[in-house]
C-alpha atoms as a PDB file:
ATOM      1  CA  MET A   1     -11.569  13.520   2.274  1.00  0.00           C
ATOM      2  CA  ASN A   2     -14.464  11.571   0.756  1.00  0.00           C
ATOM      3  CA  ALA A   3     -18.137  12.382   1.120  1.00  0.00           C
ATOM      4  CA  VAL A   4     -21.043   9.921   1.191  1.00  0.00           C
ATOM      5  CA  THR A   5     -24.796  10.182   1.574  1.00  0.00           C
ATOM      6  CA  ILE A   6     -26.369   9.196   4.870  1.00  0.00           C
ATOM      7  CA  ASN A   7     -28.103   6.275   3.108  1.00  0.00           C
ATOM      8  CA  HIS A   8     -24.751   4.971   1.901  1.00  0.00           C
ATOM      9  CA  ALA A   9     -23.305   5.393   5.402  1.00  0.00           C
ATOM     10  CA  LYS A  10     -26.183   3.439   6.943  1.00  0.00           C
ATOM     11  CA  GLN A  11     -25.727   0.593   4.486  1.00  0.00           C
ATOM     12  CA  ASP A  12     -21.942   0.429   4.764  1.00  0.00           C
ATOM     13  CA  LEU A  13     -21.105   1.767   8.233  1.00  0.00           C
ATOM     14  CA  GLU A  14     -18.755  -1.034   9.247  1.00  0.00           C
ATOM     15  CA  HIS A  15     -16.725  -0.546   6.047  1.00  0.00           C
ATOM     16  CA  LEU A  16     -16.630   3.251   6.513  1.00  0.00           C
ATOM     17  CA  ILE A  17     -15.380   2.895  10.084  1.00  0.00           C
ATOM     18  CA  GLY A  18     -12.656   0.509   8.960  1.00  0.00           C
ATOM     19  CA  GLN A  19     -11.736   2.933   6.174  1.00  0.00           C
ATOM     20  CA  VAL A  20     -11.326   5.969   8.434  1.00  0.00           C
ATOM     21  CA  ILE A  21      -9.265   3.948  10.883  1.00  0.00           C
ATOM     22  CA  SER A  22      -6.941   2.408   8.315  1.00  0.00           C
ATOM     23  CA  ASP A  23      -6.586   5.452   6.061  1.00  0.00           C
ATOM     24  CA  ALA A  24      -6.621   8.084   8.847  1.00  0.00           C
ATOM     25  CA  ASP A  25      -8.835  10.070   6.424  1.00  0.00           C
ATOM     26  CA  PRO A  26     -12.177  11.350   7.700  1.00  0.00           C
ATOM     27  CA  VAL A  27     -15.410  10.876   5.707  1.00  0.00           C
ATOM     28  CA  ILE A  28     -18.114  13.543   5.375  1.00  0.00           C
ATOM     29  CA  ILE A  29     -21.652  12.185   5.758  1.00  0.00           C
ATOM     30  CA  CYS A  30     -24.299  14.315   3.983  1.00  0.00           C
ATOM     31  CA  LYS A  31     -28.002  14.355   4.846  1.00  0.00           C
ATOM     32  CA  GLU A  32     -30.631  15.100   2.207  1.00  0.00           C
ATOM     33  CA  ASN A  33     -31.360  18.481   3.793  1.00  0.00           C
ATOM     34  CA  GLY A  34     -27.729  19.580   3.392  1.00  0.00           C
ATOM     35  CA  GLU A  35     -26.588  19.003   6.952  1.00  0.00           C
ATOM     36  CA  ARG A  36     -23.179  17.342   7.192  1.00  0.00           C
ATOM     37  CA  ALA A  37     -21.157  15.491   9.797  1.00  0.00           C
ATOM     38  CA  VAL A  38     -17.656  14.047   9.880  1.00  0.00           C
ATOM     39  CA  LEU A  39     -16.757  10.412  10.689  1.00  0.00           C
ATOM     40  CA  MET A  40     -13.187  10.102  11.888  1.00  0.00           C
ATOM     41  CA  SER A  41     -11.048   7.711  13.904  1.00  0.00           C
ATOM     42  CA  LEU A  42     -10.635   8.204  17.624  1.00  0.00           C
ATOM     43  CA  ASP A  43      -6.897   8.729  17.180  1.00  0.00           C
ATOM     44  CA  GLY A  44      -7.600  11.415  14.554  1.00  0.00           C
ATOM     45  CA  PHE A  45     -10.146  13.074  16.827  1.00  0.00           C
ATOM     46  CA  ASN A  46      -7.794  13.081  19.810  1.00  0.00           C
ATOM     47  CA  SER A  47      -5.022  14.510  17.636  1.00  0.00           C
ATOM     48  CA  TRP A  48      -7.376  17.203  16.376  1.00  0.00           C
ATOM     49  CA  GLN A  49      -8.327  18.130  19.946  1.00  0.00           C
ATOM     50  CA  GLU A  50      -4.647  18.386  20.958  1.00  0.00           C
ATOM     51  CA  THR A  51      -3.916  20.568  17.916  1.00  0.00           C
ATOM     52  CA  MET A  52      -6.796  22.885  18.778  1.00  0.00           C
ATOM     53  CA  GLY A  53      -5.229  23.322  22.221  1.00  0.00           C
ATOM     54  CA  ASP A  54      -8.509  23.349  24.104  1.00  0.00           C
ATOM     55  CA  GLY A  55      -6.881  21.853  27.205  1.00  0.00           C
ATOM     56  CA  ARG A  56      -9.369  19.000  27.547  1.00  0.00           C
ATOM     57  CA  ARG A  57      -8.234  15.459  28.087  1.00  0.00           C
ATOM     58  CA  THR A  58      -8.498  13.037  25.233  1.00  0.00           C
ATOM     59  CA  THR A  59     -11.500  10.758  24.853  1.00  0.00           C
ATOM     60  CA  ASP A  60      -9.388   7.726  25.873  1.00  0.00           C
ATOM     61  CA  ASP A  61      -8.324   9.496  29.075  1.00  0.00           C
ATOM     62  CA  ARG A  62     -11.944  10.291  30.015  1.00  0.00           C
ATOM     63  CA  ARG A  63     -13.082   6.734  29.283  1.00  0.00           C
ATOM     64  CA  PHE A  64     -10.386   5.184  31.483  1.00  0.00           C
ATOM     65  CA  THR A  65     -11.117   7.655  34.285  1.00  0.00           C
ATOM     66  CA  GLU A  66     -14.828   6.812  34.183  1.00  0.00           C
ATOM     67  CA  GLU A  67     -14.122   3.052  34.200  1.00  0.00           C
ATOM     68  CA  GLU A  68     -11.844   3.347  37.255  1.00  0.00           C
ATOM     69  CA  THR A  69     -14.533   5.037  39.405  1.00  0.00           C
END
């Protein structure tokens, strides 16, 4: 898993998104104050949710349900 600064992420967001989708490898984004977040593909996120067994529907399922109403 790679880590980048928030400034780098802002400048190269489109590339980072493509990278996490194609590599299936999340990227850590670090703020100057030490806070961190993770950028990951939707497939990776949904898989993580299923692995955690929280019983919630995947993000795709919620999106399609909302669009149908």
